C-alpha atoms as a PDB file:
ATOM      1  CA  MET A   1      43.599 285.885 125.805  1.00  0.00           C
ATOM      2  CA  GLY A   2      41.999 282.588 126.725  1.00  0.00           C
ATOM      3  CA  ASN A   3      39.355 280.590 124.940  1.00  0.00           C
ATOM      4  CA  SER A   4      36.723 281.867 127.393  1.00  0.00           C
ATOM      5  CA  ASP A   5      37.600 285.467 126.490  1.00  0.00           C
ATOM      6  CA  ASN A   6      37.308 284.696 122.768  1.00  0.00           C
ATOM      7  CA  ILE A   7      33.871 283.132 123.261  1.00  0.00           C
ATOM      8  CA  GLN A   8      32.717 286.136 125.286  1.00  0.00           C
ATOM      9  CA  LEU A   9      34.000 288.541 122.612  1.00  0.00           C
ATOM     10  CA  LEU A  10      32.279 286.522 119.882  1.00  0.00           C
ATOM     11  CA  PHE A  11      29.041 286.583 121.896  1.00  0.00           C
ATOM     12  CA  ILE A  12      29.234 290.360 122.343  1.00  0.00           C
ATOM     13  CA  GLU A  13      30.013 290.908 118.643  1.00  0.00           C
ATOM     14  CA  SER A  14      27.084 288.646 117.697  1.00  0.00           C
ATOM     15  CA  ILE A  15      24.737 290.712 119.851  1.00  0.00           C
ATOM     16  CA  GLY A  16      26.011 293.890 118.174  1.00  0.00           C
ATOM     17  CA  TRP A  17      25.542 292.500 114.669  1.00  0.00           C
ATOM     18  CA  LEU A  18      22.050 291.129 115.402  1.00  0.00           C
ATOM     19  CA  GLY A  19      20.961 294.440 116.902  1.00  0.00           C
ATOM     20  CA  ALA A  20      22.409 296.335 113.950  1.00  0.00           C
ATOM     21  CA  ILE A  21      20.617 294.090 111.471  1.00  0.00           C
ATOM     22  CA  PHE A  22      17.274 294.600 113.209  1.00  0.00           C
ATOM     23  CA  PHE A  23      17.796 298.373 113.336  1.00  0.00           C
ATOM     24  CA  ALA A  24      19.015 298.480 109.732  1.00  0.00           C
ATOM     25  CA  VAL A  25      15.864 296.795 108.427  1.00  0.00           C
ATOM     26  CA  CYS A  26      13.457 298.937 110.478  1.00  0.00           C
ATOM     27  CA  GLY A  27      12.933 301.405 107.651  1.00  0.00           C
ATOM     28  CA  ILE A  28      12.446 298.762 104.954  1.00  0.00           C
ATOM     29  CA  PRO A  29       8.693 298.194 105.555  1.00  0.00           C
ATOM     30  CA  GLN A  30       8.016 301.941 105.274  1.00  0.00           C
ATOM     31  CA  ALA A  31      10.282 302.281 102.229  1.00  0.00           C
ATOM     32  CA  TYR A  32       8.460 299.354 100.602  1.00  0.00           C
ATOM     33  CA  GLN A  33       5.067 300.874 101.398  1.00  0.00           C
ATOM     34  CA  SER A  34       6.164 304.254 100.019  1.00  0.00           C
ATOM     35  CA  TRP A  35       7.429 302.555  96.850  1.00  0.00           C
ATOM     36  CA  LYS A  36       4.284 300.420  96.506  1.00  0.00           C
ATOM     37  CA  LEU A  37       1.912 303.358  97.048  1.00  0.00           C
ATOM     38  CA  GLY A  38       4.167 305.792  95.211  1.00  0.00           C
ATOM     39  CA  SER A  39       3.890 308.265  98.063  1.00  0.00           C
ATOM     40  CA  SER A  40       5.130 309.086 101.555  1.00  0.00           C
ATOM     41  CA  ARG A  41       2.517 311.785 101.931  1.00  0.00           C
ATOM     42  CA  GLU A  42       1.324 310.456 105.301  1.00  0.00           C
ATOM     43  CA  LEU A  43       4.725 310.951 106.941  1.00  0.00           C
ATOM     44  CA  SER A  44       5.604 314.235 108.587  1.00  0.00           C
ATOM     45  CA  ALA A  45       8.379 316.193 106.876  1.00  0.00           C
ATOM     46  CA  LEU A  46       9.707 317.129 110.341  1.00  0.00           C
ATOM     47  CA  PHE A  47       9.865 313.438 111.300  1.00  0.00           C
ATOM     48  CA  LEU A  48      11.765 312.594 108.107  1.00  0.00           C
ATOM     49  CA  TRP A  49      14.146 315.536 108.596  1.00  0.00           C
ATOM     50  CA  ALA A  50      14.877 314.575 112.218  1.00  0.00           C
ATOM     51  CA  TRP A  51      15.358 310.899 111.327  1.00  0.00           C
ATOM     52  CA  THR A  52      17.693 311.779 108.441  1.00  0.00           C
ATOM     53  CA  MET A  53      19.755 314.194 110.539  1.00  0.00           C
ATOM     54  CA  GLY A  54      20.026 311.625 113.333  1.00  0.00           C
ATOM     55  CA  GLU A  55      21.231 308.943 110.924  1.00  0.00           C
ATOM     56  CA  LEU A  56      23.722 311.249 109.161  1.00  0.00           C
ATOM     57  CA  LEU A  57      25.180 312.662 112.366  1.00  0.00           C
ATOM     58  CA  MET A  58      25.448 309.260 114.053  1.00  0.00           C
ATOM     59  CA  THR A  59      27.127 307.805 110.957  1.00  0.00           C
ATOM     60  CA  LEU A  60      29.675 310.628 111.026  1.00  0.00           C
ATOM     61  CA  TYR A  61      30.167 310.176 114.790  1.00  0.00           C
ATOM     62  CA  VAL A  62      30.786 306.442 114.446  1.00  0.00           C
ATOM     63  CA  ILE A  63      33.301 306.939 111.647  1.00  0.00           C
ATOM     64  CA  LEU A  64      35.164 309.711 113.494  1.00  0.00           C
ATOM     65  CA  LYS A  65      35.162 308.030 116.906  1.00  0.00           C
ATOM     66  CA  HIS A  66      35.330 304.320 116.116  1.00  0.00           C
ATOM     67  CA  GLY A  67      36.518 304.099 112.517  1.00  0.00           C
ATOM     68  CA  PHE A  68      34.948 301.182 110.700  1.00  0.00           C
ATOM     69  CA  ASP A  69      32.542 299.625 113.198  1.00  0.00           C
ATOM     70  CA  GLY A  70      30.581 297.197 111.035  1.00  0.00           C
ATOM     71  CA  PRO A  71      27.451 296.725 113.159  1.00  0.00           C
ATOM     72  CA  LEU A  72      26.964 300.434 113.794  1.00  0.00           C
ATOM     73  CA  LEU A  73      27.619 301.433 110.193  1.00  0.00           C
ATOM     74  CA  LEU A  74      25.267 298.715 108.915  1.00  0.00           C
ATOM     75  CA  ASN A  75      22.533 300.158 111.111  1.00  0.00           C
ATOM     76  CA  TYR A  76      22.963 303.756 109.995  1.00  0.00           C
ATOM     77  CA  VAL A  77      23.676 303.104 106.321  1.00  0.00           C
ATOM     78  CA  GLY A  78      20.740 300.678 106.099  1.00  0.00           C
ATOM     79  CA  ASN A  79      18.391 303.297 107.481  1.00  0.00           C
ATOM     80  CA  LEU A  80      19.823 306.003 105.222  1.00  0.00           C
ATOM     81  CA  ILE A  81      19.095 303.836 102.175  1.00  0.00           C
ATOM     82  CA  ALA A  82      15.496 303.338 103.329  1.00  0.00           C
ATOM     83  CA  LEU A  83      15.208 307.079 103.994  1.00  0.00           C
ATOM     84  CA  VAL A  84      16.289 307.925 100.443  1.00  0.00           C
ATOM     85  CA  VAL A  85      13.338 305.908  99.099  1.00  0.00           C
ATOM     86  CA  ILE A  86      10.870 307.327 101.632  1.00  0.00           C
ATOM     87  CA  ILE A  87      11.940 310.950 101.085  1.00  0.00           C
ATOM     88  CA  TYR A  88      11.935 310.508  97.305  1.00  0.00           C
ATOM     89  CA  TYR A  89       8.248 309.552  97.410  1.00  0.00           C
ATOM     90  CA  LYS A  90       7.555 312.366  99.891  1.00  0.00           C
ATOM     91  CA  ILE A  91       8.962 314.902  97.393  1.00  0.00           C
ATOM     92  CA  TYR A  92       7.917 313.181  94.152  1.00  0.00           C
ATOM     93  CA  PRO A  93       4.716 311.217  94.780  1.00  0.00           C
ATOM     94  CA  ARG A  94       3.592 309.055  91.889  1.00  0.00           C
ATOM     95  CA  ALA A  95       0.384 310.195  90.173  1.00  0.00           C
ATOM     96  CA  ILE A  96      -2.583 308.072  91.226  1.00  0.00           C
ATOM     97  CA  ALA A  97      -4.315 306.410  88.269  1.00  0.00           C
ATOM     98  CA  ASP A  98      -8.066 307.027  88.153  1.00  0.00           C
END
């Protein structure tokens, strides 16, 4: 493998990691808002269910098909962490102080 091939591979891996980072942080603003407000009441339960199932199934797929693929797993695990916070406040909203 020549130097040109190594640079191309590094470029492709960098694109994968950058994309994964952006996807992984997508849920953070909503998780933060849910935490700050103490509620995820405004989000559809069906939306949260579909998002969670998509993340879980894709995580399993990546592990079974590709093994440890850092960028892909970062994406899915990052979103699953955000989903835990969002769903928690959907199920257990904080009481609003009067």
